[in-house]
């Protein structure tokens, strides 16, 4: 059960184990932050959404920024894990590109809207937020670049440039696809983007093999 599902299923006033309560509070906070943004959201709103008193909320999170950063850590980790899983899902490079693209689309399409905290935060002037957002983009690119370097023989720096491009294109197009309410199905959108990316990346043949 996700944090948001736990929030929706809560009976008001029910005592929960500490971890379950924390997850419930994170789910409530995600709903409020995604809907209102950081600056407009209030701890009162989050406590009300979670069905708890403010003292209970403050027992787990000393302030609004602490709560936001906990959510950001969780969802940055989710994105990085999704990218790593996609890269490890196959050894066939075109399928690997498609799986990685789809990981970004799936992340953006998730109904909880957590991607907005990572890619569309209204708090990027806060150093702790900016550091986390920049770090997850870098770590995703590093994961991609390791595969690119291994398979192409390109230098670490060259592979990193390609990886940053692939990750950046994936998340920007996925966000546009969602926000524009495109009639293009996700599977088709991923195929189109994969074809575009593959025309470029296939120009760097797999070491010891010929790419078609």
N, C-alpha and C. Protein backbone atom coordinates (compact mmCIF):
# COMPACT_ATOMS: atom_id res chain seq x y z
N UNK A 1 0.85 -1.19 0.00
CA UNK A 1 0.00 0.00 0.00
C UNK A 1 0.88 1.24 0.00
N UNK A 2 0.62 2.21 -0.89
CA UNK A 2 1.41 3.41 -0.96
C UNK A 2 1.05 4.35 0.19
N UNK A 3 1.89 5.38 0.36
CA UNK A 3 1.64 6.35 1.42
C UNK A 3 0.30 7.05 1.21
N UNK A 4 -0.01 7.37 -0.05
CA UNK A 4 -1.28 8.04 -0.34
C UNK A 4 -2.44 7.11 -0.07
N UNK A 5 -2.31 5.84 -0.42
CA UNK A 5 -3.38 4.88 -0.14
C UNK A 5 -3.59 4.73 1.35
N UNK A 6 -2.51 4.76 2.13
CA UNK A 6 -2.64 4.70 3.57
C UNK A 6 -3.38 5.91 4.11
N UNK A 7 -3.12 7.06 3.50
CA UNK A 7 -3.81 8.28 3.92
C UNK A 7 -5.29 8.18 3.65
N UNK A 8 -5.64 7.68 2.45
CA UNK A 8 -7.05 7.58 2.08
C UNK A 8 -7.79 6.56 2.95
N UNK A 9 -7.07 5.53 3.42
CA UNK A 9 -7.72 4.45 4.16
C UNK A 9 -7.76 4.69 5.66
N UNK A 10 -7.21 5.84 6.11
CA UNK A 10 -7.06 6.03 7.54
C UNK A 10 -8.39 6.22 8.25
N UNK A 11 -8.63 5.60 9.39
CA UNK A 11 -9.72 6.01 10.28
C UNK A 11 -9.18 7.13 11.17
N UNK A 12 -9.89 8.23 11.25
CA UNK A 12 -9.40 9.36 12.03
C UNK A 12 -9.23 8.96 13.49
N UNK A 13 -8.07 9.37 14.03
CA UNK A 13 -7.80 9.14 15.44
C UNK A 13 -7.22 7.77 15.75
N UNK A 14 -7.07 6.91 14.74
CA UNK A 14 -6.52 5.58 14.97
C UNK A 14 -5.04 5.68 15.31
N UNK A 15 -4.59 4.94 16.33
CA UNK A 15 -3.18 4.90 16.67
C UNK A 15 -2.47 3.95 15.71
N UNK A 16 -1.37 4.42 15.16
CA UNK A 16 -0.62 3.63 14.19
C UNK A 16 0.82 3.45 14.68
N UNK A 17 1.47 2.36 14.27
CA UNK A 17 2.91 2.23 14.53
C UNK A 17 3.64 3.43 13.92
N UNK A 18 4.78 3.77 14.47
CA UNK A 18 5.47 4.99 14.07
C UNK A 18 5.75 5.03 12.57
N UNK A 19 6.22 3.93 12.02
CA UNK A 19 6.54 3.93 10.60
C UNK A 19 5.30 4.12 9.74
N UNK A 20 4.22 3.44 10.13
CA UNK A 20 2.97 3.58 9.38
C UNK A 20 2.45 5.01 9.47
N UNK A 21 2.58 5.62 10.65
CA UNK A 21 2.14 7.01 10.81
C UNK A 21 2.98 7.94 9.94
N UNK A 22 4.27 7.71 9.92
CA UNK A 22 5.15 8.54 9.10
C UNK A 22 4.77 8.44 7.62
N UNK A 23 4.53 7.21 7.16
CA UNK A 23 4.12 7.02 5.76
C UNK A 23 2.80 7.71 5.47
N UNK A 24 1.89 7.64 6.43
CA UNK A 24 0.59 8.28 6.26
C UNK A 24 0.77 9.80 6.14
N UNK A 25 1.62 10.36 6.98
CA UNK A 25 1.85 11.80 6.95
C UNK A 25 2.53 12.22 5.64
N UNK A 26 3.45 11.39 5.16
CA UNK A 26 4.09 11.68 3.88
C UNK A 26 3.08 11.65 2.74
N UNK A 27 2.16 10.69 2.79
CA UNK A 27 1.13 10.62 1.76
C UNK A 27 0.25 11.86 1.77
N UNK A 28 -0.15 12.31 2.95
CA UNK A 28 -0.97 13.51 3.06
C UNK A 28 -0.21 14.74 2.58
N UNK A 29 1.06 14.82 2.96
CA UNK A 29 1.88 15.95 2.56
C UNK A 29 2.07 15.99 1.05
N UNK A 30 2.25 14.82 0.45
CA UNK A 30 2.42 14.78 -1.00
C UNK A 30 1.18 15.34 -1.70
N UNK A 31 0.02 14.95 -1.26
CA UNK A 31 -1.20 15.45 -1.87
C UNK A 31 -1.29 16.97 -1.76
N UNK A 32 -0.96 17.49 -0.59
CA UNK A 32 -1.07 18.94 -0.37
C UNK A 32 0.01 19.70 -1.16
N UNK A 33 1.24 19.23 -1.11
CA UNK A 33 2.32 19.92 -1.82
C UNK A 33 2.11 19.88 -3.34
N UNK A 34 1.67 18.75 -3.86
CA UNK A 34 1.44 18.65 -5.30
C UNK A 34 0.30 19.58 -5.73
N UNK A 35 -0.74 19.64 -4.93
CA UNK A 35 -1.90 20.46 -5.28
C UNK A 35 -1.65 21.95 -5.09
N UNK A 36 -0.91 22.32 -4.04
CA UNK A 36 -0.79 23.73 -3.67
C UNK A 36 0.60 24.33 -3.89
N UNK A 37 1.62 23.47 -4.03
CA UNK A 37 2.98 23.97 -4.04
C UNK A 37 3.47 24.16 -2.61
N UNK A 38 4.77 24.32 -2.47
CA UNK A 38 5.35 24.42 -1.12
C UNK A 38 4.87 25.68 -0.40
N UNK A 39 4.96 26.81 -1.06
CA UNK A 39 4.71 28.08 -0.39
C UNK A 39 3.26 28.23 0.07
N UNK A 40 2.33 27.74 -0.71
CA UNK A 40 0.92 27.89 -0.34
C UNK A 40 0.46 26.83 0.65
N UNK A 41 1.20 25.75 0.75
CA UNK A 41 0.80 24.67 1.67
C UNK A 41 1.09 25.07 3.11
N UNK A 42 0.23 24.61 4.01
CA UNK A 42 0.41 24.88 5.43
C UNK A 42 0.41 23.57 6.20
N UNK A 43 1.12 23.54 7.30
CA UNK A 43 1.14 22.34 8.13
C UNK A 43 -0.27 22.01 8.62
N UNK A 44 -1.10 23.04 8.82
CA UNK A 44 -2.49 22.80 9.20
C UNK A 44 -3.21 21.97 8.14
N UNK A 45 -2.96 22.32 6.86
CA UNK A 45 -3.60 21.59 5.76
C UNK A 45 -3.17 20.13 5.76
N UNK A 46 -1.89 19.91 5.99
CA UNK A 46 -1.35 18.55 5.96
C UNK A 46 -1.89 17.73 7.13
N UNK A 47 -1.93 18.33 8.31
CA UNK A 47 -2.47 17.63 9.48
C UNK A 47 -3.94 17.29 9.26
N UNK A 48 -4.67 18.24 8.71
CA UNK A 48 -6.10 18.00 8.43
C UNK A 48 -6.27 16.88 7.42
N UNK A 49 -5.45 16.90 6.37
CA UNK A 49 -5.55 15.86 5.33
C UNK A 49 -5.21 14.48 5.90
N UNK A 50 -4.28 14.45 6.83
CA UNK A 50 -3.88 13.18 7.44
C UNK A 50 -4.82 12.74 8.55
N UNK A 51 -5.66 13.66 9.01
CA UNK A 51 -6.57 13.32 10.09
C UNK A 51 -5.89 13.24 11.44
N UNK A 52 -4.85 14.09 11.64
CA UNK A 52 -4.14 14.10 12.91
C UNK A 52 -4.05 15.53 13.43
N UNK A 53 -3.64 15.68 14.66
CA UNK A 53 -3.42 17.01 15.22
C UNK A 53 -2.05 17.51 14.79
N UNK A 54 -1.86 18.83 14.83
CA UNK A 54 -0.55 19.38 14.49
C UNK A 54 0.56 18.86 15.40
N UNK A 55 0.32 18.70 16.71
CA UNK A 55 1.39 18.14 17.55
C UNK A 55 1.86 16.76 17.08
N UNK A 56 0.94 15.93 16.61
CA UNK A 56 1.32 14.62 16.08
C UNK A 56 2.21 14.79 14.85
N UNK A 57 1.82 15.72 13.97
CA UNK A 57 2.62 15.97 12.77
C UNK A 57 4.02 16.44 13.14
N UNK A 58 4.11 17.34 14.12
CA UNK A 58 5.41 17.87 14.52
C UNK A 58 6.25 16.86 15.28
N UNK A 59 5.64 15.83 15.83
CA UNK A 59 6.41 14.75 16.45
C UNK A 59 7.28 14.03 15.43
N UNK A 60 6.80 13.98 14.20
CA UNK A 60 7.50 13.25 13.13
C UNK A 60 8.36 14.18 12.28
N UNK A 61 7.90 15.41 12.08
CA UNK A 61 8.61 16.35 11.22
C UNK A 61 8.65 17.72 11.91
N UNK A 62 9.83 18.20 12.27
CA UNK A 62 9.93 19.45 13.02
C UNK A 62 9.38 20.68 12.29
N UNK A 63 9.37 20.63 10.96
CA UNK A 63 8.88 21.78 10.21
C UNK A 63 8.48 21.40 8.81
N UNK A 64 7.92 22.35 8.10
CA UNK A 64 7.42 22.08 6.75
C UNK A 64 8.56 21.70 5.80
N UNK A 65 9.70 22.36 5.92
CA UNK A 65 10.82 22.04 5.05
C UNK A 65 11.31 20.62 5.29
N UNK A 66 11.39 20.20 6.55
CA UNK A 66 11.81 18.83 6.86
C UNK A 66 10.88 17.81 6.20
N UNK A 67 9.61 18.11 6.22
CA UNK A 67 8.62 17.22 5.61
C UNK A 67 8.79 17.18 4.10
N UNK A 68 9.00 18.33 3.51
CA UNK A 68 9.19 18.41 2.06
C UNK A 68 10.45 17.66 1.63
N UNK A 69 11.52 17.84 2.38
CA UNK A 69 12.77 17.17 2.03
C UNK A 69 12.67 15.66 2.18
N UNK A 70 11.92 15.20 3.18
CA UNK A 70 11.72 13.75 3.34
C UNK A 70 10.98 13.18 2.13
N UNK A 71 9.98 13.92 1.66
CA UNK A 71 9.26 13.49 0.46
C UNK A 71 10.16 13.50 -0.77
N UNK A 72 10.94 14.56 -0.88
CA UNK A 72 11.83 14.69 -2.03
C UNK A 72 12.85 13.56 -2.05
N UNK A 73 13.41 13.23 -0.89
CA UNK A 73 14.36 12.11 -0.81
C UNK A 73 13.70 10.81 -1.28
N UNK A 74 12.49 10.57 -0.83
CA UNK A 74 11.77 9.35 -1.18
C UNK A 74 11.56 9.25 -2.68
N UNK A 75 11.13 10.33 -3.28
CA UNK A 75 10.76 10.26 -4.70
C UNK A 75 11.97 10.39 -5.63
N UNK A 76 13.03 11.02 -5.17
CA UNK A 76 14.27 10.99 -5.93
C UNK A 76 14.83 9.57 -5.95
N UNK A 77 14.78 8.91 -4.80
CA UNK A 77 15.23 7.51 -4.74
C UNK A 77 14.40 6.62 -5.65
N UNK A 78 13.10 6.87 -5.70
CA UNK A 78 12.21 6.07 -6.56
C UNK A 78 12.59 6.22 -8.03
N UNK A 79 12.88 7.45 -8.44
CA UNK A 79 13.25 7.68 -9.83
C UNK A 79 14.57 7.00 -10.17
N UNK A 80 15.55 7.16 -9.30
CA UNK A 80 16.86 6.55 -9.55
C UNK A 80 16.74 5.03 -9.63
N UNK A 81 15.96 4.44 -8.73
CA UNK A 81 15.78 3.00 -8.75
C UNK A 81 15.08 2.55 -10.02
N UNK A 82 14.11 3.33 -10.49
CA UNK A 82 13.39 2.98 -11.72
C UNK A 82 14.34 3.00 -12.92
N UNK A 83 15.22 3.98 -12.98
CA UNK A 83 16.18 4.07 -14.08
C UNK A 83 17.16 2.91 -14.01
N UNK A 84 17.67 2.61 -12.84
CA UNK A 84 18.61 1.49 -12.70
C UNK A 84 17.96 0.16 -13.06
N UNK A 85 16.72 -0.02 -12.66
CA UNK A 85 16.00 -1.25 -12.99
C UNK A 85 15.81 -1.38 -14.49
N UNK A 86 15.48 -0.27 -15.14
CA UNK A 86 15.30 -0.28 -16.60
C UNK A 86 16.60 -0.65 -17.31
N UNK A 87 17.70 -0.07 -16.86
CA UNK A 87 18.99 -0.34 -17.49
C UNK A 87 19.41 -1.80 -17.33
N UNK A 88 19.01 -2.40 -16.22
CA UNK A 88 19.39 -3.78 -15.93
C UNK A 88 18.41 -4.80 -16.51
N UNK A 89 17.33 -4.32 -17.12
CA UNK A 89 16.25 -5.21 -17.53
C UNK A 89 16.56 -6.02 -18.79
N UNK A 90 17.57 -5.59 -19.56
CA UNK A 90 17.91 -6.28 -20.80
C UNK A 90 19.34 -5.93 -21.18
N UNK A 91 19.95 -6.77 -22.00
CA UNK A 91 21.27 -6.46 -22.52
C UNK A 91 21.20 -6.00 -23.97
N UNK A 92 20.00 -5.95 -24.52
CA UNK A 92 19.80 -5.48 -25.91
C UNK A 92 19.63 -3.96 -25.86
N UNK A 93 20.52 -3.25 -26.52
CA UNK A 93 20.63 -1.82 -26.29
C UNK A 93 19.41 -1.01 -26.71
N UNK A 94 18.77 -1.35 -27.80
CA UNK A 94 17.58 -0.57 -28.20
C UNK A 94 16.46 -0.78 -27.19
N UNK A 95 16.30 -2.00 -26.72
CA UNK A 95 15.30 -2.27 -25.68
C UNK A 95 15.65 -1.56 -24.38
N UNK A 96 16.95 -1.46 -24.11
CA UNK A 96 17.41 -0.77 -22.90
C UNK A 96 17.07 0.72 -22.97
N UNK A 97 17.26 1.32 -24.15
CA UNK A 97 16.88 2.73 -24.32
C UNK A 97 15.38 2.90 -24.12
N UNK A 98 14.59 2.00 -24.71
CA UNK A 98 13.13 2.08 -24.57
C UNK A 98 12.71 1.92 -23.11
N UNK A 99 13.33 0.98 -22.41
CA UNK A 99 12.97 0.75 -21.01
C UNK A 99 13.30 1.96 -20.15
N UNK A 100 14.42 2.61 -20.46
CA UNK A 100 14.81 3.79 -19.69
C UNK A 100 13.87 4.95 -19.97
N UNK A 101 13.53 5.15 -21.24
CA UNK A 101 12.55 6.18 -21.59
C UNK A 101 11.23 5.92 -20.87
N UNK A 102 10.80 4.68 -20.88
CA UNK A 102 9.52 4.34 -20.27
C UNK A 102 9.55 4.55 -18.75
N UNK A 103 10.71 4.37 -18.15
CA UNK A 103 10.83 4.60 -16.71
C UNK A 103 10.48 6.05 -16.37
N UNK A 104 10.94 6.98 -17.21
CA UNK A 104 10.62 8.39 -16.99
C UNK A 104 9.13 8.66 -17.22
N UNK A 105 8.57 8.05 -18.27
CA UNK A 105 7.15 8.25 -18.55
C UNK A 105 6.30 7.69 -17.41
N UNK A 106 6.66 6.51 -16.93
CA UNK A 106 5.90 5.91 -15.83
C UNK A 106 6.00 6.77 -14.57
N UNK A 107 7.16 7.30 -14.32
CA UNK A 107 7.37 8.15 -13.14
C UNK A 107 6.50 9.40 -13.22
N UNK A 108 6.47 10.02 -14.38
CA UNK A 108 5.68 11.23 -14.58
C UNK A 108 4.19 10.94 -14.56
N UNK A 109 3.80 9.78 -15.06
CA UNK A 109 2.38 9.43 -15.17
C UNK A 109 1.77 9.00 -13.85
N UNK A 110 2.61 8.65 -12.87
CA UNK A 110 2.09 8.18 -11.59
C UNK A 110 1.05 9.15 -11.04
N UNK A 111 -0.09 8.63 -10.63
CA UNK A 111 -1.21 9.48 -10.26
C UNK A 111 -0.94 10.35 -9.03
N UNK A 112 0.06 10.01 -8.26
CA UNK A 112 0.37 10.83 -7.09
C UNK A 112 1.02 12.16 -7.43
N UNK A 113 1.51 12.29 -8.68
CA UNK A 113 2.10 13.55 -9.11
C UNK A 113 3.42 13.89 -8.45
N UNK A 114 4.13 12.88 -7.93
CA UNK A 114 5.38 13.15 -7.21
C UNK A 114 6.43 13.80 -8.10
N UNK A 115 6.36 13.59 -9.40
CA UNK A 115 7.36 14.17 -10.29
C UNK A 115 7.38 15.70 -10.18
N UNK A 116 6.24 16.28 -9.81
CA UNK A 116 6.18 17.74 -9.70
C UNK A 116 7.09 18.24 -8.58
N UNK A 117 7.28 17.44 -7.54
CA UNK A 117 8.17 17.82 -6.46
C UNK A 117 9.62 17.80 -6.92
N UNK A 118 9.94 16.91 -7.86
CA UNK A 118 11.31 16.75 -8.33
C UNK A 118 11.62 17.69 -9.48
N UNK A 119 10.74 17.72 -10.49
CA UNK A 119 11.03 18.47 -11.71
C UNK A 119 10.36 19.84 -11.80
N UNK A 120 9.37 20.10 -10.97
CA UNK A 120 8.63 21.36 -11.08
C UNK A 120 8.46 22.03 -9.72
N UNK A 121 9.41 21.84 -8.85
CA UNK A 121 9.33 22.39 -7.50
C UNK A 121 9.34 23.92 -7.52
N UNK A 122 8.54 24.53 -6.64
CA UNK A 122 8.56 25.98 -6.50
C UNK A 122 9.52 26.40 -5.38
N UNK A 123 10.43 25.47 -5.02
CA UNK A 123 11.35 25.74 -3.91
C UNK A 123 12.80 25.51 -4.32
N UNK A 124 13.11 25.64 -5.60
CA UNK A 124 14.47 25.37 -6.05
C UNK A 124 15.46 26.46 -5.62
N UNK A 125 14.95 27.57 -5.05
CA UNK A 125 15.86 28.57 -4.49
C UNK A 125 16.40 28.13 -3.13
N UNK A 126 15.82 27.07 -2.56
CA UNK A 126 16.28 26.51 -1.29
C UNK A 126 17.45 25.55 -1.59
N UNK A 127 18.63 25.82 -1.05
CA UNK A 127 19.81 24.99 -1.39
C UNK A 127 19.61 23.50 -1.17
N UNK A 128 18.95 23.11 -0.10
CA UNK A 128 18.76 21.68 0.19
C UNK A 128 17.88 21.01 -0.86
N UNK A 129 16.91 21.75 -1.38
CA UNK A 129 16.04 21.21 -2.44
C UNK A 129 16.81 21.14 -3.75
N UNK A 130 17.48 22.23 -4.09
CA UNK A 130 18.23 22.28 -5.34
C UNK A 130 19.28 21.18 -5.39
N UNK A 131 19.96 20.96 -4.26
CA UNK A 131 20.99 19.92 -4.21
C UNK A 131 20.42 18.55 -4.49
N UNK A 132 19.24 18.25 -3.95
CA UNK A 132 18.62 16.94 -4.16
C UNK A 132 18.17 16.77 -5.60
N UNK A 133 17.58 17.81 -6.17
CA UNK A 133 17.10 17.73 -7.54
C UNK A 133 18.27 17.56 -8.50
N UNK A 134 19.33 18.32 -8.29
CA UNK A 134 20.50 18.21 -9.15
C UNK A 134 21.18 16.86 -8.97
N UNK A 135 21.19 16.36 -7.74
CA UNK A 135 21.86 15.08 -7.47
C UNK A 135 21.16 13.93 -8.15
N UNK A 136 19.81 13.89 -8.10
CA UNK A 136 19.13 12.76 -8.73
C UNK A 136 19.29 12.80 -10.24
N UNK A 137 19.29 13.99 -10.83
CA UNK A 137 19.52 14.08 -12.28
C UNK A 137 20.93 13.58 -12.62
N UNK A 138 21.90 13.96 -11.78
CA UNK A 138 23.27 13.53 -12.00
C UNK A 138 23.42 12.02 -11.82
N UNK A 139 22.80 11.48 -10.77
CA UNK A 139 22.93 10.04 -10.50
C UNK A 139 22.24 9.21 -11.58
N UNK A 140 21.12 9.68 -12.09
CA UNK A 140 20.46 8.97 -13.20
C UNK A 140 21.36 9.00 -14.43
N UNK A 141 21.95 10.17 -14.70
CA UNK A 141 22.85 10.29 -15.86
C UNK A 141 24.08 9.40 -15.68
N UNK A 142 24.60 9.33 -14.46
CA UNK A 142 25.77 8.47 -14.22
C UNK A 142 25.43 7.01 -14.45
N UNK A 143 24.24 6.59 -14.04
CA UNK A 143 23.83 5.20 -14.25
C UNK A 143 23.75 4.90 -15.75
N UNK A 144 23.19 5.84 -16.50
CA UNK A 144 23.08 5.66 -17.95
C UNK A 144 24.46 5.69 -18.59
N UNK A 145 25.31 6.61 -18.14
CA UNK A 145 26.63 6.77 -18.76
C UNK A 145 27.52 5.55 -18.56
N UNK A 146 27.36 4.86 -17.45
CA UNK A 146 28.16 3.65 -17.22
C UNK A 146 27.88 2.61 -18.30
N UNK A 147 26.60 2.46 -18.65
CA UNK A 147 26.23 1.51 -19.68
C UNK A 147 26.72 1.97 -21.04
N UNK A 148 26.56 3.27 -21.32
CA UNK A 148 27.01 3.82 -22.61
C UNK A 148 28.51 3.63 -22.76
N UNK A 149 29.29 3.96 -21.74
CA UNK A 149 30.74 3.84 -21.82
C UNK A 149 31.17 2.40 -22.01
N UNK A 150 30.52 1.50 -21.28
CA UNK A 150 30.88 0.09 -21.37
C UNK A 150 30.61 -0.47 -22.75
N UNK A 151 29.49 -0.06 -23.33
CA UNK A 151 29.08 -0.65 -24.61
C UNK A 151 29.68 0.02 -25.83
N UNK A 152 30.13 1.27 -25.69
CA UNK A 152 30.62 2.00 -26.86
C UNK A 152 32.12 2.23 -26.86
N UNK A 153 32.73 2.16 -25.69
CA UNK A 153 34.15 2.47 -25.61
C UNK A 153 34.43 3.96 -25.56
N UNK A 154 33.38 4.77 -25.46
CA UNK A 154 33.57 6.21 -25.32
C UNK A 154 34.20 6.52 -23.97
N UNK A 155 34.83 7.67 -23.88
CA UNK A 155 35.40 8.08 -22.60
C UNK A 155 34.29 8.37 -21.60
N UNK A 156 34.66 8.44 -20.34
CA UNK A 156 33.69 8.72 -19.28
C UNK A 156 32.97 10.04 -19.52
N UNK A 157 33.73 11.06 -19.89
CA UNK A 157 33.13 12.38 -20.12
C UNK A 157 32.22 12.39 -21.34
N UNK A 158 32.63 11.70 -22.39
CA UNK A 158 31.80 11.63 -23.60
C UNK A 158 30.49 10.88 -23.32
N UNK A 159 30.61 9.76 -22.61
CA UNK A 159 29.42 8.98 -22.27
C UNK A 159 28.48 9.78 -21.38
N UNK A 160 29.04 10.58 -20.50
CA UNK A 160 28.22 11.38 -19.60
C UNK A 160 27.43 12.42 -20.36
N UNK A 161 28.01 13.03 -21.37
CA UNK A 161 27.29 14.00 -22.19
C UNK A 161 26.09 13.35 -22.87
N UNK A 162 26.30 12.18 -23.43
CA UNK A 162 25.19 11.46 -24.07
C UNK A 162 24.12 11.09 -23.04
N UNK A 163 24.55 10.66 -21.87
CA UNK A 163 23.61 10.23 -20.83
C UNK A 163 22.76 11.39 -20.32
N UNK A 164 23.38 12.55 -20.13
CA UNK A 164 22.64 13.73 -19.70
C UNK A 164 21.60 14.09 -20.76
N UNK A 165 21.98 13.96 -22.03
CA UNK A 165 21.03 14.24 -23.11
C UNK A 165 19.86 13.27 -23.10
N UNK A 166 20.13 11.99 -22.94
CA UNK A 166 19.07 10.98 -22.94
C UNK A 166 18.12 11.18 -21.76
N UNK A 167 18.69 11.40 -20.57
CA UNK A 167 17.84 11.61 -19.39
C UNK A 167 17.04 12.89 -19.49
N UNK A 168 17.69 13.96 -19.96
CA UNK A 168 16.99 15.24 -20.08
C UNK A 168 15.85 15.19 -21.07
N UNK A 169 16.10 14.61 -22.23
CA UNK A 169 15.04 14.49 -23.23
C UNK A 169 13.89 13.65 -22.70
N UNK A 170 14.21 12.59 -22.00
CA UNK A 170 13.17 11.69 -21.49
C UNK A 170 12.21 12.41 -20.54
N UNK A 171 12.76 13.13 -19.57
CA UNK A 171 11.89 13.75 -18.57
C UNK A 171 11.16 14.97 -19.14
N UNK A 172 11.80 15.71 -20.02
CA UNK A 172 11.12 16.89 -20.60
C UNK A 172 9.96 16.45 -21.49
N UNK A 173 10.21 15.46 -22.34
CA UNK A 173 9.15 14.99 -23.24
C UNK A 173 8.03 14.31 -22.46
N UNK A 174 8.39 13.53 -21.45
CA UNK A 174 7.37 12.86 -20.63
C UNK A 174 6.47 13.89 -19.94
N UNK A 175 7.06 14.95 -19.42
CA UNK A 175 6.26 15.99 -18.76
C UNK A 175 5.38 16.72 -19.76
N UNK A 176 5.91 16.99 -20.95
CA UNK A 176 5.08 17.64 -21.98
C UNK A 176 3.93 16.73 -22.37
N UNK A 177 4.23 15.45 -22.55
CA UNK A 177 3.20 14.48 -22.94
C UNK A 177 2.06 14.47 -21.93
N UNK A 178 2.40 14.53 -20.65
CA UNK A 178 1.36 14.51 -19.63
C UNK A 178 0.60 15.84 -19.56
N UNK A 179 1.34 16.94 -19.53
CA UNK A 179 0.70 18.25 -19.33
C UNK A 179 -0.16 18.67 -20.52
N UNK A 180 0.21 18.20 -21.72
CA UNK A 180 -0.54 18.57 -22.92
C UNK A 180 -1.76 17.68 -23.13
N UNK A 181 -1.93 16.68 -22.24
CA UNK A 181 -3.03 15.72 -22.37
C UNK A 181 -3.05 15.12 -23.78
N UNK A 182 -1.86 14.72 -24.21
CA UNK A 182 -1.68 14.19 -25.56
C UNK A 182 -2.58 12.97 -25.80
N UNK A 183 -3.07 12.88 -27.02
CA UNK A 183 -3.87 11.71 -27.40
C UNK A 183 -2.98 10.52 -27.77
N UNK A 184 -1.68 10.74 -27.81
CA UNK A 184 -0.74 9.67 -28.14
C UNK A 184 -0.60 8.76 -26.93
N UNK A 185 -0.88 7.46 -27.08
CA UNK A 185 -0.73 6.54 -25.95
C UNK A 185 0.71 6.51 -25.45
N UNK A 186 0.86 6.22 -24.17
CA UNK A 186 2.21 6.19 -23.59
C UNK A 186 3.14 5.25 -24.35
N UNK A 187 2.67 4.07 -24.68
CA UNK A 187 3.53 3.11 -25.38
C UNK A 187 4.02 3.68 -26.70
N UNK A 188 3.12 4.35 -27.43
CA UNK A 188 3.50 4.94 -28.72
C UNK A 188 4.46 6.10 -28.52
N UNK A 189 4.21 6.91 -27.49
CA UNK A 189 5.11 8.03 -27.20
C UNK A 189 6.51 7.53 -26.90
N UNK A 190 6.61 6.47 -26.12
CA UNK A 190 7.91 5.90 -25.78
C UNK A 190 8.59 5.36 -27.03
N UNK A 191 7.83 4.70 -27.89
CA UNK A 191 8.40 4.18 -29.14
C UNK A 191 8.94 5.29 -30.03
N UNK A 192 8.18 6.39 -30.13
CA UNK A 192 8.62 7.52 -30.95
C UNK A 192 9.91 8.12 -30.41
N UNK A 193 9.95 8.33 -29.10
CA UNK A 193 11.13 8.93 -28.49
C UNK A 193 12.32 7.98 -28.57
N UNK A 194 12.06 6.69 -28.40
CA UNK A 194 13.13 5.71 -28.51
C UNK A 194 13.72 5.71 -29.92
N UNK A 195 12.85 5.78 -30.93
CA UNK A 195 13.33 5.82 -32.32
C UNK A 195 14.22 7.03 -32.56
N UNK A 196 13.81 8.17 -32.02
CA UNK A 196 14.61 9.39 -32.17
C UNK A 196 15.96 9.22 -31.49
N UNK A 197 15.95 8.76 -30.24
CA UNK A 197 17.20 8.61 -29.50
C UNK A 197 18.09 7.54 -30.11
N UNK A 198 17.47 6.45 -30.57
CA UNK A 198 18.25 5.33 -31.09
C UNK A 198 18.99 5.70 -32.37
N UNK A 199 18.41 6.58 -33.17
CA UNK A 199 19.08 7.01 -34.40
C UNK A 199 20.41 7.69 -34.07
N UNK A 200 20.47 8.31 -32.90
CA UNK A 200 21.72 8.93 -32.49
C UNK A 200 22.65 7.98 -31.78
N UNK A 201 22.15 7.28 -30.78
CA UNK A 201 23.00 6.42 -29.96
C UNK A 201 23.51 5.22 -30.74
N UNK A 202 22.75 4.78 -31.74
CA UNK A 202 23.19 3.62 -32.54
C UNK A 202 24.40 3.96 -33.40
N UNK A 203 24.72 5.24 -33.51
CA UNK A 203 25.91 5.64 -34.25
C UNK A 203 27.19 5.31 -33.50
N UNK A 204 27.05 4.85 -32.27
CA UNK A 204 28.20 4.44 -31.48
C UNK A 204 28.08 2.94 -31.23
N UNK A 205 28.57 2.11 -32.17
CA UNK A 205 28.35 0.66 -32.09
C UNK A 205 28.84 0.04 -30.80
N UNK A 206 28.16 -1.02 -30.39
CA UNK A 206 28.55 -1.78 -29.21
C UNK A 206 29.94 -2.35 -29.44
N UNK A 207 30.78 -2.22 -28.44
CA UNK A 207 32.17 -2.67 -28.57
C UNK A 207 32.20 -4.14 -28.97
N UNK A 208 32.92 -4.42 -30.07
CA UNK A 208 33.04 -5.81 -30.53
C UNK A 208 31.87 -6.31 -31.33
N UNK A 209 30.86 -5.44 -31.60
CA UNK A 209 29.69 -5.87 -32.33
C UNK A 209 29.32 -4.82 -33.37
N UNK A 210 28.58 -5.21 -34.36
CA UNK A 210 28.00 -4.29 -35.32
C UNK A 210 26.57 -4.05 -34.95
N UNK A 211 26.15 -2.76 -34.86
CA UNK A 211 24.76 -2.42 -34.57
C UNK A 211 24.01 -2.19 -35.86
N UNK A 212 22.79 -2.63 -35.93
CA UNK A 212 21.97 -2.38 -37.12
C UNK A 212 21.06 -1.20 -36.84
